[in-house]
Amino acid sequence: MTENEKLDLILTKLEKLDKIESDMQIMKNEILGITNEIQELKQKVTSLELHIENATDKNIQLLAENFVELTKKLNQAIPVADKNLAYEVKVNYLLEEVQSLKEELAKLKNKIA
């Protein structure tokens, strides 16, 4: 191998090293950017955690307390609704019976006349 070939080989290797260094610098910059984004995400998550703890949890507790009260009121109203349903069934039965009696009465009147 001649001196020129050796120098060309060394030059090629140095160019490759320069390219590797350049690529490494680009990677360092990208990693720095990712690190900054992760830090921003951490801050947002912390903010969300605080909001959930301070606002959402309290609102859920209020809703749960009101739900208990509404359930009690509904349970008090259900017996009244059950009685209304029973009366409705009875009235429907009586209406059918009256209709049947009207028809029988009309038949009897026709037989007599």
PDB file of N, CA and C in Angstrom:
ATOM      1  N   MET A   1       0.854  -1.168   0.000  1.00  0.00           N
ATOM      2  CA  MET A   1       0.000   0.000   0.000  1.00  0.00           C
ATOM      3  C   MET A   1       0.906   1.238   0.000  1.00  0.00           C
ATOM      4  N   THR A   2       0.611   2.160  -0.854  1.00  0.00           N
ATOM      5  CA  THR A   2       1.450   3.343  -0.996  1.00  0.00           C
ATOM      6  C   THR A   2       1.087   4.383   0.050  1.00  0.00           C
ATOM      7  N   GLU A   3       1.933   5.369   0.141  1.00  0.00           N
ATOM      8  CA  GLU A   3       1.697   6.458   1.094  1.00  0.00           C
ATOM      9  C   GLU A   3       0.399   7.190   0.779  1.00  0.00           C
ATOM     10  N   ASN A   4       0.140   7.448  -0.489  1.00  0.00           N
ATOM     11  CA  ASN A   4      -1.088   8.149  -0.899  1.00  0.00           C
ATOM     12  C   ASN A   4      -2.332   7.334  -0.541  1.00  0.00           C
ATOM     13  N   GLU A   5      -2.255   6.050  -0.774  1.00  0.00           N
ATOM     14  CA  GLU A   5      -3.402   5.193  -0.439  1.00  0.00           C
ATOM     15  C   GLU A   5      -3.648   5.204   1.068  1.00  0.00           C
ATOM     16  N   LYS A   6      -2.538   5.150   1.824  1.00  0.00           N
ATOM     17  CA  LYS A   6      -2.661   5.190   3.286  1.00  0.00           C
ATOM     18  C   LYS A   6      -3.266   6.516   3.736  1.00  0.00           C
ATOM     19  N   LEU A   7      -2.814   7.595   3.134  1.00  0.00           N
ATOM     20  CA  LEU A   7      -3.348   8.915   3.484  1.00  0.00           C
ATOM     21  C   LEU A   7      -4.825   9.024   3.092  1.00  0.00           C
ATOM     22  N   ASP A   8      -5.167   8.495   1.922  1.00  0.00           N
ATOM     23  CA  ASP A   8      -6.581   8.495   1.500  1.00  0.00           C
ATOM     24  C   ASP A   8      -7.436   7.687   2.462  1.00  0.00           C
ATOM     25  N   LEU A   9      -6.916   6.554   2.895  1.00  0.00           N
ATOM     26  CA  LEU A   9      -7.649   5.709   3.844  1.00  0.00           C
ATOM     27  C   LEU A   9      -7.841   6.437   5.171  1.00  0.00           C
ATOM     28  N   ILE A  10      -6.793   7.084   5.641  1.00  0.00           N
ATOM     29  CA  ILE A  10      -6.881   7.852   6.891  1.00  0.00           C
ATOM     30  C   ILE A  10      -7.865   9.005   6.719  1.00  0.00           C
ATOM     31  N   LEU A  11      -7.815   9.682   5.580  1.00  0.00           N
ATOM     32  CA  LEU A  11      -8.728  10.790   5.310  1.00  0.00           C
ATOM     33  C   LEU A  11     -10.175  10.318   5.284  1.00  0.00           C
ATOM     34  N   THR A  12     -10.399   9.175   4.661  1.00  0.00           N
ATOM     35  CA  THR A  12     -11.745   8.600   4.611  1.00  0.00           C
ATOM     36  C   THR A  12     -12.242   8.275   6.017  1.00  0.00           C
ATOM     37  N   LYS A  13     -11.373   7.702   6.809  1.00  0.00           N
ATOM     38  CA  LYS A  13     -11.733   7.362   8.199  1.00  0.00           C
ATOM     39  C   LYS A  13     -12.047   8.624   8.995  1.00  0.00           C
ATOM     40  N   LEU A  14     -11.261   9.675   8.784  1.00  0.00           N
ATOM     41  CA  LEU A  14     -11.503  10.937   9.480  1.00  0.00           C
ATOM     42  C   LEU A  14     -12.833  11.564   9.048  1.00  0.00           C
ATOM     43  N   GLU A  15     -13.141  11.472   7.770  1.00  0.00           N
ATOM     44  CA  GLU A  15     -14.425  11.989   7.287  1.00  0.00           C
ATOM     45  C   GLU A  15     -15.587  11.227   7.914  1.00  0.00           C
ATOM     46  N   LYS A  16     -15.394   9.913   8.017  1.00  0.00           N
ATOM     47  CA  LYS A  16     -16.429   9.092   8.658  1.00  0.00           C
ATOM     48  C   LYS A  16     -16.590   9.473  10.126  1.00  0.00           C
ATOM     49  N   LEU A  17     -15.467   9.733  10.796  1.00  0.00           N
ATOM     50  CA  LEU A  17     -15.522  10.154  12.199  1.00  0.00           C
ATOM     51  C   LEU A  17     -16.216  11.508  12.332  1.00  0.00           C
ATOM     52  N   ASP A  18     -15.927  12.418  11.414  1.00  0.00           N
ATOM     53  CA  ASP A  18     -16.597  13.723  11.431  1.00  0.00           C
ATOM     54  C   ASP A  18     -18.101  13.551  11.260  1.00  0.00           C
ATOM     55  N   LYS A  19     -18.489  12.670  10.336  1.00  0.00           N
ATOM     56  CA  LYS A  19     -19.924  12.422  10.111  1.00  0.00           C
ATOM     57  C   LYS A  19     -20.562  11.823  11.370  1.00  0.00           C
ATOM     58  N   ILE A  20     -19.845  10.894  12.009  1.00  0.00           N
ATOM     59  CA  ILE A  20     -20.343  10.282  13.245  1.00  0.00           C
ATOM     60  C   ILE A  20     -20.489  11.346  14.331  1.00  0.00           C
ATOM     61  N   GLU A  21     -19.500  12.242  14.444  1.00  0.00           N
ATOM     62  CA  GLU A  21     -19.585  13.321  15.430  1.00  0.00           C
ATOM     63  C   GLU A  21     -20.770  14.236  15.137  1.00  0.00           C
ATOM     64  N   SER A  22     -20.968  14.529  13.874  1.00  0.00           N
ATOM     65  CA  SER A  22     -22.098  15.373  13.479  1.00  0.00           C
ATOM     66  C   SER A  22     -23.419  14.683  13.836  1.00  0.00           C
ATOM     67  N   ASP A  23     -23.510  13.398  13.522  1.00  0.00           N
ATOM     68  CA  ASP A  23     -24.716  12.639  13.856  1.00  0.00           C
ATOM     69  C   ASP A  23     -24.940  12.596  15.366  1.00  0.00           C
ATOM     70  N   MET A  24     -23.845  12.438  16.110  1.00  0.00           N
ATOM     71  CA  MET A  24     -23.951  12.417  17.577  1.00  0.00           C
ATOM     72  C   MET A  24     -24.460  13.749  18.107  1.00  0.00           C
ATOM     73  N   GLN A  25     -23.985  14.850  17.519  1.00  0.00           N
ATOM     74  CA  GLN A  25     -24.427  16.173  17.954  1.00  0.00           C
ATOM     75  C   GLN A  25     -25.924  16.342  17.665  1.00  0.00           C
ATOM     76  N   ILE A  26     -26.348  15.889  16.495  1.00  0.00           N
ATOM     77  CA  ILE A  26     -27.780  15.946  16.154  1.00  0.00           C
ATOM     78  C   ILE A  26     -28.593  15.132  17.153  1.00  0.00           C
ATOM     79  N   MET A  27     -28.095  13.935  17.482  1.00  0.00           N
ATOM     80  CA  MET A  27     -28.798  13.084  18.452  1.00  0.00           C
ATOM     81  C   MET A  27     -28.864  13.750  19.823  1.00  0.00           C
ATOM     82  N   LYS A  28     -27.756  14.403  20.238  1.00  0.00           N
ATOM     83  CA  LYS A  28     -27.761  15.105  21.525  1.00  0.00           C
ATOM     84  C   LYS A  28     -28.821  16.201  21.537  1.00  0.00           C
ATOM     85  N   ASN A  29     -28.917  16.954  20.438  1.00  0.00           N
ATOM     86  CA  ASN A  29     -29.925  18.014  20.353  1.00  0.00           C
ATOM     87  C   ASN A  29     -31.339  17.439  20.404  1.00  0.00           C
ATOM     88  N   GLU A  30     -31.543  16.324  19.711  1.00  0.00           N
ATOM     89  CA  GLU A  30     -32.871  15.692  19.729  1.00  0.00           C
ATOM     90  C   GLU A  30     -33.209  15.186  21.127  1.00  0.00           C
ATOM     91  N   ILE A  31     -32.248  14.589  21.794  1.00  0.00           N
ATOM     92  CA  ILE A  31     -32.468  14.099  23.163  1.00  0.00           C
ATOM     93  C   ILE A  31     -32.781  15.260  24.098  1.00  0.00           C
ATOM     94  N   LEU A  32     -32.074  16.387  23.910  1.00  0.00           N
ATOM     95  CA  LEU A  32     -32.344  17.572  24.726  1.00  0.00           C
ATOM     96  C   LEU A  32     -33.781  18.048  24.501  1.00  0.00           C
ATOM     97  N   GLY A  33     -34.213  18.047  23.238  1.00  0.00           N
ATOM     98  CA  GLY A  33     -35.595  18.433  22.934  1.00  0.00           C
ATOM     99  C   GLY A  33     -36.598  17.490  23.578  1.00  0.00           C
ATOM    100  N   ILE A  34     -36.317  16.204  23.503  1.00  0.00           N
ATOM    101  CA  ILE A  34     -37.216  15.211  24.125  1.00  0.00           C
ATOM    102  C   ILE A  34     -37.246  15.404  25.631  1.00  0.00           C
ATOM    103  N   THR A  35     -36.098  15.686  26.221  1.00  0.00           N
ATOM    104  CA  THR A  35     -36.030  15.921  27.668  1.00  0.00           C
ATOM    105  C   THR A  35     -36.894  17.126  28.051  1.00  0.00           C
ATOM    106  N   ASN A  36     -36.827  18.179  27.257  1.00  0.00           N
ATOM    107  CA  ASN A  36     -37.656  19.362  27.537  1.00  0.00           C
ATOM    108  C   ASN A  36     -39.141  19.025  27.421  1.00  0.00           C
ATOM    109  N   GLU A  37     -39.513  18.257  26.402  1.00  0.00           N
ATOM    110  CA  GLU A  37     -40.917  17.872  26.243  1.00  0.00           C
ATOM    111  C   GLU A  37     -41.390  17.017  27.412  1.00  0.00           C
ATOM    112  N   ILE A  38     -40.530  16.120  27.880  1.00  0.00           N
ATOM    113  CA  ILE A  38     -40.887  15.275  29.030  1.00  0.00           C
ATOM    114  C   ILE A  38     -41.104  16.137  30.267  1.00  0.00           C
ATOM    115  N   GLN A  39     -40.257  17.146  30.444  1.00  0.00           N
ATOM    116  CA  GLN A  39     -40.417  18.047  31.586  1.00  0.00           C
ATOM    117  C   GLN A  39     -41.755  18.785  31.516  1.00  0.00           C
ATOM    118  N   GLU A  40     -42.122  19.250  30.309  1.00  0.00           N
ATOM    119  CA  GLU A  40     -43.408  19.928  30.131  1.00  0.00           C
ATOM    120  C   GLU A  40     -44.567  18.976  30.440  1.00  0.00           C
ATOM    121  N   LEU A  41     -44.446  17.736  29.978  1.00  0.00           N
ATOM    122  CA  LEU A  41     -45.496  16.745  30.257  1.00  0.00           C
ATOM    123  C   LEU A  41     -45.625  16.470  31.753  1.00  0.00           C
ATOM    124  N   LYS A  42     -44.496  16.408  32.445  1.00  0.00           N
ATOM    125  CA  LYS A  42     -44.522  16.199  33.898  1.00  0.00           C
ATOM    126  C   LYS A  42     -45.280  17.331  34.586  1.00  0.00           C
ATOM    127  N   GLN A  43     -45.023  18.567  34.137  1.00  0.00           N
ATOM    128  CA  GLN A  43     -45.710  19.714  34.721  1.00  0.00           C
ATOM    129  C   GLN A  43     -47.215  19.641  34.464  1.00  0.00           C
ATOM    130  N   LYS A  44     -47.581  19.252  33.248  1.00  0.00           N
ATOM    131  CA  LYS A  44     -49.008  19.132  32.924  1.00  0.00           C
ATOM    132  C   LYS A  44     -49.674  18.040  33.745  1.00  0.00           C
ATOM    133  N   VAL A  45     -49.005  16.915  33.905  1.00  0.00           N
ATOM    134  CA  VAL A  45     -49.562  15.815  34.705  1.00  0.00           C
ATOM    135  C   VAL A  45     -49.739  16.257  36.149  1.00  0.00           C
ATOM    136  N   THR A  46     -48.767  16.956  36.675  1.00  0.00           N
ATOM    137  CA  THR A  46     -48.875  17.460  38.050  1.00  0.00           C
ATOM    138  C   THR A  46     -50.068  18.402  38.170  1.00  0.00           C
ATOM    139  N   SER A  47     -50.242  19.256  37.184  1.00  0.00           N
ATOM    140  CA  SER A  47     -51.375  20.181  37.185  1.00  0.00           C
ATOM    141  C   SER A  47     -52.695  19.424  37.143  1.00  0.00           C
ATOM    142  N   LEU A  48     -52.754  18.406  36.298  1.00  0.00           N
ATOM    143  CA  LEU A  48     -53.982  17.594  36.225  1.00  0.00           C
ATOM    144  C   LEU A  48     -54.255  16.873  37.541  1.00  0.00           C
ATOM    145  N   GLU A  49     -53.220  16.331  38.152  1.00  0.00           N
ATOM    146  CA  GLU A  49     -53.390  15.652  39.430  1.00  0.00           C
ATOM    147  C   GLU A  49     -53.960  16.602  40.473  1.00  0.00           C
ATOM    148  N   LEU A  50     -53.429  17.804  40.506  1.00  0.00           N
ATOM    149  CA  LEU A  50     -53.918  18.788  41.474  1.00  0.00           C
ATOM    150  C   LEU A  50     -55.380  19.144  41.189  1.00  0.00           C
ATOM    151  N   HIS A  51     -55.717  19.308  39.919  1.00  0.00           N
ATOM    152  CA  HIS A  51     -57.101  19.629  39.561  1.00  0.00           C
ATOM    153  C   HIS A  51     -58.039  18.493  39.965  1.00  0.00           C
ATOM    154  N   ILE A  52     -57.630  17.279  39.688  1.00  0.00           N
ATOM    155  CA  ILE A  52     -58.471  16.131  40.045  1.00  0.00           C
ATOM    156  C   ILE A  52     -58.655  16.072  41.553  1.00  0.00           C
ATOM    157  N   GLU A  53     -57.578  16.272  42.274  1.00  0.00           N
ATOM    158  CA  GLU A  53     -57.647  16.195  43.732  1.00  0.00           C
ATOM    159  C   GLU A  53     -58.498  17.325  44.320  1.00  0.00           C
ATOM    160  N   ASN A  54     -58.307  18.540  43.813  1.00  0.00           N
ATOM    161  CA  ASN A  54     -58.960  19.698  44.412  1.00  0.00           C
ATOM    162  C   ASN A  54     -60.379  19.941  43.906  1.00  0.00           C
ATOM    163  N   ALA A  55     -60.631  19.693  42.644  1.00  0.00           N
ATOM    164  CA  ALA A  55     -61.939  20.041  42.083  1.00  0.00           C
ATOM    165  C   ALA A  55     -62.802  18.812  41.823  1.00  0.00           C
ATOM    166  N   THR A  56     -62.295  17.900  41.054  1.00  0.00           N
ATOM    167  CA  THR A  56     -63.113  16.778  40.610  1.00  0.00           C
ATOM    168  C   THR A  56     -63.539  15.892  41.779  1.00  0.00           C
ATOM    169  N   ASP A  57     -62.615  15.559  42.662  1.00  0.00           N
ATOM    170  CA  ASP A  57     -62.960  14.696  43.793  1.00  0.00           C
ATOM    171  C   ASP A  57     -64.049  15.324  44.661  1.00  0.00           C
ATOM    172  N   LYS A  58     -63.949  16.628  44.906  1.00  0.00           N
ATOM    173  CA  LYS A  58     -64.962  17.304  45.724  1.00  0.00           C
ATOM    174  C   LYS A  58     -66.311  17.303  45.019  1.00  0.00           C
ATOM    175  N   ASN A  59     -66.300  17.535  43.703  1.00  0.00           N
ATOM    176  CA  ASN A  59     -67.561  17.532  42.955  1.00  0.00           C
ATOM    177  C   ASN A  59     -68.198  16.148  42.945  1.00  0.00           C
ATOM    178  N   ILE A  60     -67.394  15.119  42.841  1.00  0.00           N
ATOM    179  CA  ILE A  60     -67.924  13.753  42.875  1.00  0.00           C
ATOM    180  C   ILE A  60     -68.530  13.482  44.247  1.00  0.00           C
ATOM    181  N   GLN A  61     -67.884  13.953  45.290  1.00  0.00           N
ATOM    182  CA  GLN A  61     -68.423  13.755  46.633  1.00  0.00           C
ATOM    183  C   GLN A  61     -69.772  14.461  46.771  1.00  0.00           C
ATOM    184  N   LEU A  62     -69.881  15.676  46.260  1.00  0.00           N
ATOM    185  CA  LEU A  62     -71.155  16.399  46.315  1.00  0.00           C
ATOM    186  C   LEU A  62     -72.240  15.662  45.534  1.00  0.00           C
ATOM    187  N   LEU A  63     -71.892  15.165  44.363  1.00  0.00           N
ATOM    188  CA  LEU A  63     -72.860  14.405  43.568  1.00  0.00           C
ATOM    189  C   LEU A  63     -73.316  13.149  44.305  1.00  0.00           C
ATOM    190  N   ALA A  64     -72.376  12.477  44.943  1.00  0.00           N
ATOM    191  CA  ALA A  64     -72.722  11.259  45.680  1.00  0.00           C
ATOM    192  C   ALA A  64     -73.658  11.579  46.838  1.00  0.00           C
ATOM    193  N   GLU A  65     -73.395  12.651  47.551  1.00  0.00           N
ATOM    194  CA  GLU A  65     -74.265  13.028  48.669  1.00  0.00           C
ATOM    195  C   GLU A  65     -75.667  13.371  48.172  1.00  0.00           C
ATOM    196  N   ASN A  66     -75.744  14.118  47.067  1.00  0.00           N
ATOM    197  CA  ASN A  66     -77.053  14.465  46.509  1.00  0.00           C
ATOM    198  C   ASN A  66     -77.763  13.238  45.964  1.00  0.00           C
ATOM    199  N   PHE A  67     -77.010  12.287  45.433  1.00  0.00           N
ATOM    200  CA  PHE A  67     -77.606  11.057  44.920  1.00  0.00           C
ATOM    201  C   PHE A  67     -78.293  10.288  46.043  1.00  0.00           C
ATOM    202  N   VAL A  68     -77.661  10.253  47.208  1.00  0.00           N
ATOM    203  CA  VAL A  68     -78.255   9.557  48.353  1.00  0.00           C
ATOM    204  C   VAL A  68     -79.592  10.205  48.719  1.00  0.00           C
ATOM    205  N   GLU A  69     -79.622  11.533  48.749  1.00  0.00           N
ATOM    206  CA  GLU A  69     -80.867  12.235  49.073  1.00  0.00           C
ATOM    207  C   GLU A  69     -81.943  11.964  48.023  1.00  0.00           C
ATOM    208  N   LEU A  70     -81.560  12.008  46.752  1.00  0.00           N
ATOM    209  CA  LEU A  70     -82.530  11.738  45.686  1.00  0.00           C
ATOM    210  C   LEU A  70     -83.048  10.310  45.754  1.00  0.00           C
ATOM    211  N   THR A  71     -82.189   9.380  46.111  1.00  0.00           N
ATOM    212  CA  THR A  71     -82.611   7.984  46.242  1.00  0.00           C
ATOM    213  C   THR A  71     -83.635   7.841  47.355  1.00  0.00           C
ATOM    214  N   LYS A  72     -83.400   8.529  48.466  1.00  0.00           N
ATOM    215  CA  LYS A  72     -84.375   8.485  49.571  1.00  0.00           C
ATOM    216  C   LYS A  72     -85.719   9.031  49.118  1.00  0.00           C
ATOM    217  N   LYS A  73     -85.705  10.155  48.402  1.00  0.00           N
ATOM    218  CA  LYS A  73     -86.955  10.746  47.922  1.00  0.00           C
ATOM    219  C   LYS A  73     -87.648   9.824  46.930  1.00  0.00           C
ATOM    220  N   LEU A  74     -86.882   9.190  46.063  1.00  0.00           N
ATOM    221  CA  LEU A  74     -87.458   8.263  45.095  1.00  0.00           C
ATOM    222  C   LEU A  74     -88.085   7.071  45.794  1.00  0.00           C
ATOM    223  N   ASN A  75     -87.416   6.565  46.803  1.00  0.00           N
ATOM    224  CA  ASN A  75     -87.970   5.429  47.550  1.00  0.00           C
ATOM    225  C   ASN A  75     -89.273   5.804  48.252  1.00  0.00           C
ATOM    226  N   GLN A  76     -89.381   7.057  48.665  1.00  0.00           N
ATOM    227  CA  GLN A  76     -90.636   7.506  49.274  1.00  0.00           C
ATOM    228  C   GLN A  76     -91.734   7.638  48.224  1.00  0.00           C
ATOM    229  N   ALA A  77     -91.373   7.998  47.006  1.00  0.00           N
ATOM    230  CA  ALA A  77     -92.364   8.199  45.946  1.00  0.00           C
ATOM    231  C   ALA A  77     -92.803   6.888  45.303  1.00  0.00           C
ATOM    232  N   ILE A  78     -91.988   5.865  45.376  1.00  0.00           N
ATOM    233  CA  ILE A  78     -92.310   4.593  44.710  1.00  0.00           C
ATOM    234  C   ILE A  78     -93.598   3.961  45.246  1.00  0.00           C
ATOM    235  N   PRO A  79     -93.824   3.906  46.564  1.00  0.00           N
ATOM    236  CA  PRO A  79     -95.080   3.305  47.016  1.00  0.00           C
ATOM    237  C   PRO A  79     -96.315   4.021  46.440  1.00  0.00           C
ATOM    238  N   VAL A  80     -96.236   5.332  46.305  1.00  0.00           N
ATOM    239  CA  VAL A  80     -97.356   6.077  45.726  1.00  0.00           C
ATOM    240  C   VAL A  80     -97.541   5.670  44.270  1.00  0.00           C
ATOM    241  N   ALA A  81     -96.465   5.531  43.543  1.00  0.00           N
ATOM    242  CA  ALA A  81     -96.545   5.119  42.139  1.00  0.00           C
ATOM    243  C   ALA A  81     -97.090   3.704  42.035  1.00  0.00           C
ATOM    244  N   ASP A  82     -96.699   2.818  42.957  1.00  0.00           N
ATOM    245  CA  ASP A  82     -97.221   1.452  42.940  1.00  0.00           C
ATOM    246  C   ASP A  82     -98.727   1.438  43.175  1.00  0.00           C
ATOM    247  N   LYS A  83     -99.208   2.279  44.105  1.00  0.00           N
ATOM    248  CA  LYS A  83    -100.649   2.349  44.359  1.00  0.00           C
ATOM    249  C   LYS A  83    -101.374   2.859  43.127  1.00  0.00           C
ATOM    250  N   ASN A  84    -100.820   3.870  42.464  1.00  0.00           N
ATOM    251  CA  ASN A  84    -101.453   4.390  41.252  1.00  0.00           C
ATOM    252  C   ASN A  84    -101.529   3.318  40.176  1.00  0.00           C
ATOM    253  N   LEU A  85    -100.513   2.520  40.031  1.00  0.00           N
ATOM    254  CA  LEU A  85    -100.509   1.452  39.038  1.00  0.00           C
ATOM    255  C   LEU A  85    -101.577   0.415  39.382  1.00  0.00           C
ATOM    256  N   ALA A  86    -101.683   0.071  40.649  1.00  0.00           N
ATOM    257  CA  ALA A  86    -102.702  -0.894  41.065  1.00  0.00           C
ATOM    258  C   ALA A  86    -104.096  -0.345  40.782  1.00  0.00           C
ATOM    259  N   TYR A  87    -104.336   0.932  41.087  1.00  0.00           N
ATOM    260  CA  TYR A  87    -105.643   1.525  40.813  1.00  0.00           C
ATOM    261  C   TYR A  87    -105.931   1.561  39.317  1.00  0.00           C
ATOM    262  N   GLU A  88    -104.908   1.835  38.525  1.00  0.00           N
ATOM    263  CA  GLU A  88    -105.079   1.871  37.069  1.00  0.00           C
ATOM    264  C   GLU A  88    -105.494   0.496  36.549  1.00  0.00           C
ATOM    265  N   VAL A  89    -104.889  -0.545  37.057  1.00  0.00           N
ATOM    266  CA  VAL A  89    -105.251  -1.906  36.652  1.00  0.00           C
ATOM    267  C   VAL A  89    -106.698  -2.207  37.047  1.00  0.00           C
ATOM    268  N   LYS A  90    -107.075  -1.825  38.245  1.00  0.00           N
ATOM    269  CA  LYS A  90    -108.444  -2.067  38.706  1.00  0.00           C
ATOM    270  C   LYS A  90    -109.458  -1.308  37.853  1.00  0.00           C
ATOM    271  N   VAL A  91    -109.153  -0.063  37.539  1.00  0.00           N
ATOM    272  CA  VAL A  91    -110.075   0.734  36.727  1.00  0.00           C
ATOM    273  C   VAL A  91    -110.206   0.127  35.334  1.00  0.00           C
ATOM    274  N   ASN A  92    -109.088  -0.305  34.746  1.00  0.00           N
ATOM    275  CA  ASN A  92    -109.162  -0.945  33.426  1.00  0.00           C
ATOM    276  C   ASN A  92    -110.024  -2.201  33.480  1.00  0.00           C
ATOM    277  N   TYR A  93    -109.897  -2.986  34.534  1.00  0.00           N
ATOM    278  CA  TYR A  93    -110.709  -4.198  34.693  1.00  0.00           C
ATOM    279  C   TYR A  93    -112.192  -3.825  34.804  1.00  0.00           C
ATOM    280  N   LEU A  94    -112.464  -2.813  35.615  1.00  0.00           N
ATOM    281  CA  LEU A  94    -113.858  -2.403  35.786  1.00  0.00           C
ATOM    282  C   LEU A  94    -114.445  -1.855  34.489  1.00  0.00           C
ATOM    283  N   LEU A  95    -113.670  -1.121  33.709  1.00  0.00           N
ATOM    284  CA  LEU A  95    -114.145  -0.610  32.421  1.00  0.00           C
ATOM    285  C   LEU A  95    -114.498  -1.762  31.479  1.00  0.00           C
ATOM    286  N   GLU A  96    -113.673  -2.792  31.472  1.00  0.00           N
ATOM    287  CA  GLU A  96    -113.977  -3.957  30.638  1.00  0.00           C
ATOM    288  C   GLU A  96    -115.260  -4.639  31.097  1.00  0.00           C
ATOM    289  N   GLU A  97    -115.432  -4.759  32.396  1.00  0.00           N
ATOM    290  CA  GLU A  97    -116.648  -5.388  32.937  1.00  0.00           C
ATOM    291  C   GLU A  97    -117.887  -4.573  32.591  1.00  0.00           C
ATOM    292  N   VAL A  98    -117.792  -3.253  32.733  1.00  0.00           N
ATOM    293  CA  VAL A  98    -118.939  -2.390  32.403  1.00  0.00           C
ATOM    294  C   VAL A  98    -119.271  -2.534  30.922  1.00  0.00           C
ATOM    295  N   GLN A  99    -118.259  -2.558  30.066  1.00  0.00           N
ATOM    296  CA  GLN A  99    -118.499  -2.725  28.630  1.00  0.00           C
ATOM    297  C   GLN A  99    -119.189  -4.063  28.364  1.00  0.00           C
ATOM    298  N   SER A 100    -118.717  -5.112  29.032  1.00  0.00           N
ATOM    299  CA  SER A 100    -119.333  -6.431  28.866  1.00  0.00           C
ATOM    300  C   SER A 100    -120.778  -6.411  29.326  1.00  0.00           C
ATOM    301  N   LEU A 101    -121.052  -5.765  30.446  1.00  0.00           N
ATOM    302  CA  LEU A 101    -122.428  -5.689  30.969  1.00  0.00           C
ATOM    303  C   LEU A 101    -123.324  -4.877  30.030  1.00  0.00           C
ATOM    304  N   LYS A 102    -122.788  -3.811  29.445  1.00  0.00           N
ATOM    305  CA  LYS A 102    -123.555  -3.015  28.476  1.00  0.00           C
ATOM    306  C   LYS A 102    -123.954  -3.879  27.288  1.00  0.00           C
ATOM    307  N   GLU A 103    -123.007  -4.688  26.805  1.00  0.00           N
ATOM    308  CA  GLU A 103    -123.306  -5.540  25.658  1.00  0.00           C
ATOM    309  C   GLU A 103    -124.384  -6.567  26.013  1.00  0.00           C
ATOM    310  N   GLU A 104    -124.279  -7.171  27.194  1.00  0.00           N
ATOM    311  CA  GLU A 104    -125.290  -8.160  27.620  1.00  0.00           C
ATOM    312  C   GLU A 104    -126.655  -7.486  27.794  1.00  0.00           C
ATOM    313  N   LEU A 105    -126.675  -6.284  28.352  1.00  0.00           N
ATOM    314  CA  LEU A 105    -127.917  -5.560  28.519  1.00  0.00           C
ATOM    315  C   LEU A 105    -128.551  -5.223  27.172  1.00  0.00           C
ATOM    316  N   ALA A 106    -127.704  -4.821  26.221  1.00  0.00           N
ATOM    317  CA  ALA A 106    -128.219  -4.524  24.881  1.00  0.00           C
ATOM    318  C   ALA A 106    -128.788  -5.783  24.250  1.00  0.00           C
ATOM    319  N   LYS A 107    -128.180  -6.944  24.427  1.00  0.00           N
ATOM    320  CA  LYS A 107    -128.699  -8.200  23.880  1.00  0.00           C
ATOM    321  C   LYS A 107    -130.048  -8.541  24.523  1.00  0.00           C
ATOM    322  N   LEU A 108    -130.131  -8.340  25.832  1.00  0.00           N
ATOM    323  CA  LEU A 108    -131.387  -8.632  26.522  1.00  0.00           C
ATOM    324  C   LEU A 108    -132.511  -7.716  26.052  1.00  0.00           C
ATOM    325  N   LYS A 109    -132.181  -6.445  25.855  1.00  0.00           N
ATOM    326  CA  LYS A 109    -133.184  -5.519  25.361  1.00  0.00           C
ATOM    327  C   LYS A 109    -133.671  -5.914  23.970  1.00  0.00           C
ATOM    328  N   ASN A 110    -132.745  -6.376  23.139  1.00  0.00           N
ATOM    329  CA  ASN A 110    -133.120  -6.817  21.799  1.00  0.00           C
ATOM    330  C   ASN A 110    -134.016  -8.052  21.841  1.00  0.00           C
ATOM    331  N   LYS A 111    -133.771  -8.965  22.790  1.00  0.00           N
ATOM    332  CA  LYS A 111    -134.598 -10.165  22.905  1.00  0.00           C
ATOM    333  C   LYS A 111    -135.989  -9.804  23.396  1.00  0.00           C
ATOM    334  N   ILE A 112    -136.090  -8.866  24.304  1.00  0.00           N
ATOM    335  CA  ILE A 112    -137.389  -8.474  24.870  1.00  0.00           C
ATOM    336  C   ILE A 112    -138.180  -7.705  23.819  1.00  0.00           C
ATOM    337  N   ALA A 113    -137.557  -6.879  23.088  1.00  0.00           N
ATOM    338  CA  ALA A 113    -138.283  -6.033  22.112  1.00  0.00           C
ATOM    339  C   ALA A 113    -138.687  -6.742  20.885  1.00  0.00           C
TER     340      ALA A 113
END
